[in-house]
Amino acid sequence: MWQRYIDAAKPAGAGLFGRNLDAFWDAIEHGGPGWPGEAKLVFRSSSRLAALEVGSGLSLLEGLRRIANEATQTQIELA
């Protein structure tokens, strides 16, 4: 999933991007490595991400939903 994000968004600092939810949050909210620039991110077929666990029983989809709801710097849509 993270490689697809990098391929599609071509974010700044892609080589340093941590490829996890914490790194994604830092990128989209604080301009850290992986920052997509001024963009609206749309994750298509996002329901598939429910099957991927990222720890503590949290799915990747749930984590992305939380980030999408809390983000103030980057608009995120889960389609």
PDB file of N, CA and C in Angstrom:
ATOM      1  N   MET A   1       0.831  -1.184   0.000  1.00  0.00           N
ATOM      2  CA  MET A   1       0.000   0.000   0.000  1.00  0.00           C
ATOM      3  C   MET A   1       0.877   1.249   0.000  1.00  0.00           C
ATOM      4  N   TRP A   2       1.915   1.258   0.811  1.00  0.00           N
ATOM      5  CA  TRP A   2       2.759   2.456   0.893  1.00  0.00           C
ATOM      6  C   TRP A   2       3.507   2.711  -0.404  1.00  0.00           C
ATOM      7  N   GLN A   3       3.918   1.649  -1.081  1.00  0.00           N
ATOM      8  CA  GLN A   3       4.598   1.851  -2.360  1.00  0.00           C
ATOM      9  C   GLN A   3       3.650   2.454  -3.383  1.00  0.00           C
ATOM     10  N   ARG A   4       2.399   2.043  -3.366  1.00  0.00           N
ATOM     11  CA  ARG A   4       1.409   2.641  -4.276  1.00  0.00           C
ATOM     12  C   ARG A   4       1.209   4.119  -3.971  1.00  0.00           C
ATOM     13  N   TYR A   5       1.197   4.450  -2.682  1.00  0.00           N
ATOM     14  CA  TYR A   5       1.087   5.854  -2.292  1.00  0.00           C
ATOM     15  C   TYR A   5       2.266   6.648  -2.863  1.00  0.00           C
ATOM     16  N   ILE A   6       3.457   6.145  -2.679  1.00  0.00           N
ATOM     17  CA  ILE A   6       4.658   6.829  -3.175  1.00  0.00           C
ATOM     18  C   ILE A   6       4.625   6.955  -4.697  1.00  0.00           C
ATOM     19  N   ASP A   7       4.242   5.888  -5.375  1.00  0.00           N
ATOM     20  CA  ASP A   7       4.182   5.920  -6.844  1.00  0.00           C
ATOM     21  C   ASP A   7       3.155   6.932  -7.346  1.00  0.00           C
ATOM     22  N   ALA A   8       2.008   7.019  -6.682  1.00  0.00           N
ATOM     23  CA  ALA A   8       0.935   7.901  -7.138  1.00  0.00           C
ATOM     24  C   ALA A   8       1.156   9.355  -6.721  1.00  0.00           C
ATOM     25  N   ALA A   9       1.561   9.580  -5.478  1.00  0.00           N
ATOM     26  CA  ALA A   9       1.670  10.944  -4.959  1.00  0.00           C
ATOM     27  C   ALA A   9       3.024  11.590  -5.260  1.00  0.00           C
ATOM     28  N   LYS A  10       4.029  10.755  -5.502  1.00  0.00           N
ATOM     29  CA  LYS A  10       5.389  11.263  -5.736  1.00  0.00           C
ATOM     30  C   LYS A  10       5.763  12.306  -4.673  1.00  0.00           C
ATOM     31  N   PRO A  11       5.684  11.889  -3.395  1.00  0.00           N
ATOM     32  CA  PRO A  11       5.882  12.839  -2.305  1.00  0.00           C
ATOM     33  C   PRO A  11       7.339  13.265  -2.133  1.00  0.00           C
ATOM     34  N   ALA A  12       7.509  14.434  -1.511  1.00  0.00           N
ATOM     35  CA  ALA A  12       8.836  14.921  -1.160  1.00  0.00           C
ATOM     36  C   ALA A  12       9.447  13.987  -0.116  1.00  0.00           C
ATOM     37  N   GLY A  13      10.715  13.686  -0.244  1.00  0.00           N
ATOM     38  CA  GLY A  13      11.391  12.840   0.731  1.00  0.00           C
ATOM     39  C   GLY A  13      10.931  11.400   0.727  1.00  0.00           C
ATOM     40  N   ALA A  14      10.478  10.904  -0.411  1.00  0.00           N
ATOM     41  CA  ALA A  14       9.934   9.539  -0.486  1.00  0.00           C
ATOM     42  C   ALA A  14      10.927   8.491   0.016  1.00  0.00           C
ATOM     43  N   GLY A  15      12.211   8.700  -0.225  1.00  0.00           N
ATOM     44  CA  GLY A  15      13.215   7.732   0.210  1.00  0.00           C
ATOM     45  C   GLY A  15      13.355   7.646   1.717  1.00  0.00           C
ATOM     46  N   LEU A  16      12.926   8.667   2.430  1.00  0.00           N
ATOM     47  CA  LEU A  16      13.013   8.691   3.890  1.00  0.00           C
ATOM     48  C   LEU A  16      11.680   8.383   4.568  1.00  0.00           C
ATOM     49  N   PHE A  17      10.628   8.240   3.772  1.00  0.00           N
ATOM     50  CA  PHE A  17       9.284   7.996   4.307  1.00  0.00           C
ATOM     51  C   PHE A  17       9.244   6.639   5.005  1.00  0.00           C
ATOM     52  N   GLY A  18       8.719   6.613   6.232  1.00  0.00           N
ATOM     53  CA  GLY A  18       8.731   5.420   7.072  1.00  0.00           C
ATOM     54  C   GLY A  18       7.750   4.314   6.714  1.00  0.00           C
ATOM     55  N   ARG A  19       6.812   4.568   5.827  1.00  0.00           N
ATOM     56  CA  ARG A  19       5.862   3.551   5.367  1.00  0.00           C
ATOM     57  C   ARG A  19       5.066   2.905   6.503  1.00  0.00           C
ATOM     58  N   ASN A  20       4.516   3.743   7.351  1.00  0.00           N
ATOM     59  CA  ASN A  20       3.602   3.289   8.392  1.00  0.00           C
ATOM     60  C   ASN A  20       2.671   4.454   8.725  1.00  0.00           C
ATOM     61  N   LEU A  21       1.671   4.210   9.548  1.00  0.00           N
ATOM     62  CA  LEU A  21       0.679   5.247   9.839  1.00  0.00           C
ATOM     63  C   LEU A  21       1.280   6.450  10.558  1.00  0.00           C
ATOM     64  N   ASP A  22       2.223   6.223  11.462  1.00  0.00           N
ATOM     65  CA  ASP A  22       2.854   7.347  12.151  1.00  0.00           C
ATOM     66  C   ASP A  22       3.608   8.232  11.166  1.00  0.00           C
ATOM     67  N   ALA A  23       4.356   7.615  10.272  1.00  0.00           N
ATOM     68  CA  ALA A  23       5.104   8.372   9.265  1.00  0.00           C
ATOM     69  C   ALA A  23       4.146   9.096   8.322  1.00  0.00           C
ATOM     70  N   PHE A  24       3.037   8.454   7.978  1.00  0.00           N
ATOM     71  CA  PHE A  24       2.051   9.085   7.106  1.00  0.00           C
ATOM     72  C   PHE A  24       1.465  10.322   7.783  1.00  0.00           C
ATOM     73  N   TRP A  25       1.133  10.200   9.055  1.00  0.00           N
ATOM     74  CA  TRP A  25       0.608  11.337   9.814  1.00  0.00           C
ATOM     75  C   TRP A  25       1.619  12.482   9.815  1.00  0.00           C
ATOM     76  N   ASP A  26       2.859  12.175  10.116  1.00  0.00           N
ATOM     77  CA  ASP A  26       3.898  13.208  10.122  1.00  0.00           C
ATOM     78  C   ASP A  26       4.033  13.871   8.753  1.00  0.00           C
ATOM     79  N   ALA A  27       3.897  13.073   7.712  1.00  0.00           N
ATOM     80  CA  ALA A  27       4.021  13.604   6.350  1.00  0.00           C
ATOM     81  C   ALA A  27       2.872  14.536   6.006  1.00  0.00           C
ATOM     82  N   ILE A  28       1.641  14.078   6.204  1.00  0.00           N
ATOM     83  CA  ILE A  28       0.502  14.869   5.734  1.00  0.00           C
ATOM     84  C   ILE A  28       0.144  16.018   6.671  1.00  0.00           C
ATOM     85  N   GLU A  29       0.488  15.884   7.939  1.00  0.00           N
ATOM     86  CA  GLU A  29       0.110  16.931   8.884  1.00  0.00           C
ATOM     87  C   GLU A  29       1.258  17.895   9.200  1.00  0.00           C
ATOM     88  N   HIS A  30       2.494  17.415   9.088  1.00  0.00           N
ATOM     89  CA  HIS A  30       3.634  18.238   9.499  1.00  0.00           C
ATOM     90  C   HIS A  30       4.673  18.437   8.393  1.00  0.00           C
ATOM     91  N   GLY A  31       4.383  17.958   7.189  1.00  0.00           N
ATOM     92  CA  GLY A  31       5.305  18.157   6.074  1.00  0.00           C
ATOM     93  C   GLY A  31       6.567  17.333   6.146  1.00  0.00           C
ATOM     94  N   GLY A  32       6.519  16.224   6.880  1.00  0.00           N
ATOM     95  CA  GLY A  32       7.684  15.354   7.006  1.00  0.00           C
ATOM     96  C   GLY A  32       7.934  14.563   5.734  1.00  0.00           C
ATOM     97  N   PRO A  33       8.946  13.688   5.764  1.00  0.00           N
ATOM     98  CA  PRO A  33       9.222  12.861   4.583  1.00  0.00           C
ATOM     99  C   PRO A  33       7.953  12.134   4.137  1.00  0.00           C
ATOM    100  N   GLY A  34       7.683  12.190   2.857  1.00  0.00           N
ATOM    101  CA  GLY A  34       6.469  11.589   2.319  1.00  0.00           C
ATOM    102  C   GLY A  34       5.345  12.585   2.115  1.00  0.00           C
ATOM    103  N   TRP A  35       5.616  13.881   2.397  1.00  0.00           N
ATOM    104  CA  TRP A  35       4.595  14.912   2.224  1.00  0.00           C
ATOM    105  C   TRP A  35       4.203  15.011   0.755  1.00  0.00           C
ATOM    106  N   PRO A  36       2.899  14.910   0.458  1.00  0.00           N
ATOM    107  CA  PRO A  36       2.451  14.918  -0.938  1.00  0.00           C
ATOM    108  C   PRO A  36       2.336  16.313  -1.551  1.00  0.00           C
ATOM    109  N   GLY A  37       2.625  17.347  -0.792  1.00  0.00           N
ATOM    110  CA  GLY A  37       2.440  18.709  -1.292  1.00  0.00           C
ATOM    111  C   GLY A  37       0.978  19.102  -1.141  1.00  0.00           C
ATOM    112  N   GLU A  38       0.631  20.215  -1.741  1.00  0.00           N
ATOM    113  CA  GLU A  38      -0.759  20.683  -1.706  1.00  0.00           C
ATOM    114  C   GLU A  38      -1.583  19.722  -2.567  1.00  0.00           C
ATOM    115  N   ALA A  39      -2.301  18.824  -1.920  1.00  0.00           N
ATOM    116  CA  ALA A  39      -3.028  17.794  -2.666  1.00  0.00           C
ATOM    117  C   ALA A  39      -4.222  17.294  -1.865  1.00  0.00           C
ATOM    118  N   LYS A  40      -5.154  16.731  -2.580  1.00  0.00           N
ATOM    119  CA  LYS A  40      -6.237  15.955  -1.971  1.00  0.00           C
ATOM    120  C   LYS A  40      -5.895  14.503  -2.278  1.00  0.00           C
ATOM    121  N   LEU A  41      -5.803  13.693  -1.244  1.00  0.00           N
ATOM    122  CA  LEU A  41      -5.486  12.277  -1.434  1.00  0.00           C
ATOM    123  C   LEU A  41      -6.774  11.472  -1.454  1.00  0.00           C
ATOM    124  N   VAL A  42      -6.943  10.659  -2.482  1.00  0.00           N
ATOM    125  CA  VAL A  42      -8.119   9.810  -2.604  1.00  0.00           C
ATOM    126  C   VAL A  42      -7.633   8.371  -2.664  1.00  0.00           C
ATOM    127  N   PHE A  43      -8.034   7.580  -1.674  1.00  0.00           N
ATOM    128  CA  PHE A  43      -7.695   6.166  -1.629  1.00  0.00           C
ATOM    129  C   PHE A  43      -8.888   5.384  -2.172  1.00  0.00           C
ATOM    130  N   ARG A  44      -8.756   4.854  -3.365  1.00  0.00           N
ATOM    131  CA  ARG A  44      -9.829   4.094  -4.011  1.00  0.00           C
ATOM    132  C   ARG A  44      -9.798   2.642  -3.535  1.00  0.00           C
ATOM    133  N   SER A  45     -10.948   1.992  -3.542  1.00  0.00           N
ATOM    134  CA  SER A  45     -11.082   0.599  -3.085  1.00  0.00           C
ATOM    135  C   SER A  45     -10.501   0.439  -1.688  1.00  0.00           C
ATOM    136  N   SER A  46     -10.698   1.432  -0.852  1.00  0.00           N
ATOM    137  CA  SER A  46     -10.092   1.436   0.480  1.00  0.00           C
ATOM    138  C   SER A  46     -10.628   0.326   1.381  1.00  0.00           C
ATOM    139  N   SER A  47     -11.789  -0.224   1.076  1.00  0.00           N
ATOM    140  CA  SER A  47     -12.340  -1.296   1.921  1.00  0.00           C
ATOM    141  C   SER A  47     -11.407  -2.498   1.984  1.00  0.00           C
ATOM    142  N   ARG A  48     -10.583  -2.679   0.969  1.00  0.00           N
ATOM    143  CA  ARG A  48      -9.617  -3.787   0.963  1.00  0.00           C
ATOM    144  C   ARG A  48      -8.584  -3.658   2.078  1.00  0.00           C
ATOM    145  N   LEU A  49      -8.384  -2.461   2.544  1.00  0.00           N
ATOM    146  CA  LEU A  49      -7.378  -2.227   3.578  1.00  0.00           C
ATOM    147  C   LEU A  49      -7.834  -2.696   4.958  1.00  0.00           C
ATOM    148  N   ALA A  50      -9.107  -3.050   5.084  1.00  0.00           N
ATOM    149  CA  ALA A  50      -9.626  -3.547   6.365  1.00  0.00           C
ATOM    150  C   ALA A  50      -8.987  -4.875   6.750  1.00  0.00           C
ATOM    151  N   ALA A  51      -8.513  -5.621   5.775  1.00  0.00           N
ATOM    152  CA  ALA A  51      -7.915  -6.931   6.043  1.00  0.00           C
ATOM    153  C   ALA A  51      -6.464  -6.831   6.521  1.00  0.00           C
ATOM    154  N   LEU A  52      -5.872  -5.666   6.409  1.00  0.00           N
ATOM    155  CA  LEU A  52      -4.468  -5.494   6.790  1.00  0.00           C
ATOM    156  C   LEU A  52      -4.376  -4.926   8.202  1.00  0.00           C
ATOM    157  N   GLU A  53      -3.808  -5.702   9.111  1.00  0.00           N
ATOM    158  CA  GLU A  53      -3.663  -5.261  10.493  1.00  0.00           C
ATOM    159  C   GLU A  53      -2.337  -4.525  10.660  1.00  0.00           C
ATOM    160  N   VAL A  54      -2.373  -3.430  11.404  1.00  0.00           N
ATOM    161  CA  VAL A  54      -1.158  -2.650  11.625  1.00  0.00           C
ATOM    162  C   VAL A  54      -0.697  -2.690  13.074  1.00  0.00           C
ATOM    163  N   GLY A  55      -1.369  -3.456  13.888  1.00  0.00           N
ATOM    164  CA  GLY A  55      -0.987  -3.600  15.286  1.00  0.00           C
ATOM    165  C   GLY A  55      -2.132  -3.288  16.221  1.00  0.00           C
ATOM    166  N   SER A  56      -2.104  -3.916  17.380  1.00  0.00           N
ATOM    167  CA  SER A  56      -3.114  -3.704  18.428  1.00  0.00           C
ATOM    168  C   SER A  56      -4.534  -3.903  17.915  1.00  0.00           C
ATOM    169  N   GLY A  57      -4.712  -4.804  16.948  1.00  0.00           N
ATOM    170  CA  GLY A  57      -6.037  -5.088  16.421  1.00  0.00           C
ATOM    171  C   GLY A  57      -6.581  -4.011  15.497  1.00  0.00           C
ATOM    172  N   LEU A  58      -5.775  -3.027  15.176  1.00  0.00           N
ATOM    173  CA  LEU A  58      -6.186  -1.924  14.312  1.00  0.00           C
ATOM    174  C   LEU A  58      -5.905  -2.282  12.858  1.00  0.00           C
ATOM    175  N   SER A  59      -6.905  -2.084  12.006  1.00  0.00           N
ATOM    176  CA  SER A  59      -6.685  -2.329  10.578  1.00  0.00           C
ATOM    177  C   SER A  59      -6.116  -1.067   9.941  1.00  0.00           C
ATOM    178  N   LEU A  60      -5.484  -1.243   8.815  1.00  0.00           N
ATOM    179  CA  LEU A  60      -4.957  -0.103   8.071  1.00  0.00           C
ATOM    180  C   LEU A  60      -6.085   0.849   7.703  1.00  0.00           C
ATOM    181  N   LEU A  61      -7.238   0.309   7.343  1.00  0.00           N
ATOM    182  CA  LEU A  61      -8.382   1.151   7.006  1.00  0.00           C
ATOM    183  C   LEU A  61      -8.816   1.995   8.202  1.00  0.00           C
ATOM    184  N   GLU A  62      -8.896   1.387   9.393  1.00  0.00           N
ATOM    185  CA  GLU A  62      -9.285   2.143  10.584  1.00  0.00           C
ATOM    186  C   GLU A  62      -8.276   3.249  10.888  1.00  0.00           C
ATOM    187  N   GLY A  63      -7.006   2.934  10.736  1.00  0.00           N
ATOM    188  CA  GLY A  63      -5.974   3.932  10.964  1.00  0.00           C
ATOM    189  C   GLY A  63      -6.062   5.081   9.988  1.00  0.00           C
ATOM    190  N   LEU A  64      -6.271   4.765   8.723  1.00  0.00           N
ATOM    191  CA  LEU A  64      -6.412   5.818   7.716  1.00  0.00           C
ATOM    192  C   LEU A  64      -7.665   6.649   7.962  1.00  0.00           C
ATOM    193  N   ARG A  65      -8.739   6.014   8.416  1.00  0.00           N
ATOM    194  CA  ARG A  65      -9.974   6.746   8.740  1.00  0.00           C
ATOM    195  C   ARG A  65      -9.724   7.759   9.846  1.00  0.00           C
ATOM    196  N   ARG A  66      -9.015   7.314  10.873  1.00  0.00           N
ATOM    197  CA  ARG A  66      -8.702   8.228  11.985  1.00  0.00           C
ATOM    198  C   ARG A  66      -7.893   9.418  11.478  1.00  0.00           C
ATOM    199  N   ILE A  67      -6.883   9.129  10.682  1.00  0.00           N
ATOM    200  CA  ILE A  67      -6.041  10.193  10.150  1.00  0.00           C
ATOM    201  C   ILE A  67      -6.864  11.129   9.267  1.00  0.00           C
ATOM    202  N   ALA A  68      -7.707  10.573   8.408  1.00  0.00           N
ATOM    203  CA  ALA A  68      -8.536  11.394   7.524  1.00  0.00           C
ATOM    204  C   ALA A  68      -9.447  12.316   8.332  1.00  0.00           C
ATOM    205  N   ASN A  69      -9.969  11.823   9.434  1.00  0.00           N
ATOM    206  CA  ASN A  69     -10.869  12.625  10.267  1.00  0.00           C
ATOM    207  C   ASN A  69     -10.138  13.714  11.042  1.00  0.00           C
ATOM    208  N   GLU A  70      -8.883  13.472  11.397  1.00  0.00           N
ATOM    209  CA  GLU A  70      -8.136  14.409  12.235  1.00  0.00           C
ATOM    210  C   GLU A  70      -7.235  15.363  11.446  1.00  0.00           C
ATOM    211  N   ALA A  71      -6.948  15.032  10.204  1.00  0.00           N
ATOM    212  CA  ALA A  71      -6.019  15.845   9.410  1.00  0.00           C
ATOM    213  C   ALA A  71      -6.577  17.237   9.153  1.00  0.00           C
ATOM    214  N   THR A  72      -5.712  18.215   9.275  1.00  0.00           N
ATOM    215  CA  THR A  72      -6.104  19.593   9.014  1.00  0.00           C
ATOM    216  C   THR A  72      -5.330  20.203   7.842  1.00  0.00           C
ATOM    217  N   GLN A  73      -4.217  19.596   7.457  1.00  0.00           N
ATOM    218  CA  GLN A  73      -3.355  20.155   6.420  1.00  0.00           C
ATOM    219  C   GLN A  73      -3.565  19.517   5.043  1.00  0.00           C
ATOM    220  N   THR A  74      -4.019  18.278   5.029  1.00  0.00           N
ATOM    221  CA  THR A  74      -4.206  17.542   3.782  1.00  0.00           C
ATOM    222  C   THR A  74      -5.582  16.910   3.802  1.00  0.00           C
ATOM    223  N   GLN A  75      -6.324  17.074   2.737  1.00  0.00           N
ATOM    224  CA  GLN A  75      -7.649  16.462   2.631  1.00  0.00           C
ATOM    225  C   GLN A  75      -7.470  15.027   2.163  1.00  0.00           C
ATOM    226  N   ILE A  76      -8.141  14.093   2.843  1.00  0.00           N
ATOM    227  CA  ILE A  76      -8.042  12.671   2.528  1.00  0.00           C
ATOM    228  C   ILE A  76      -9.447  12.114   2.360  1.00  0.00           C
ATOM    229  N   GLU A  77      -9.644  11.398   1.271  1.00  0.00           N
ATOM    230  CA  GLU A  77     -10.933  10.748   0.994  1.00  0.00           C
ATOM    231  C   GLU A  77     -10.699   9.251   0.865  1.00  0.00           C
ATOM    232  N   LEU A  78     -11.508   8.480   1.561  1.00  0.00           N
ATOM    233  CA  LEU A  78     -11.458   7.026   1.454  1.00  0.00           C
ATOM    234  C   LEU A  78     -12.662   6.579   0.645  1.00  0.00           C
ATOM    235  N   ALA A  79     -12.418   6.155  -0.570  1.00  0.00           N
ATOM    236  CA  ALA A  79     -13.499   5.794  -1.484  1.00  0.00           C
ATOM    237  C   ALA A  79     -13.604   4.282  -1.613  1.00  0.00           C
TER     238      ALA A  79
END
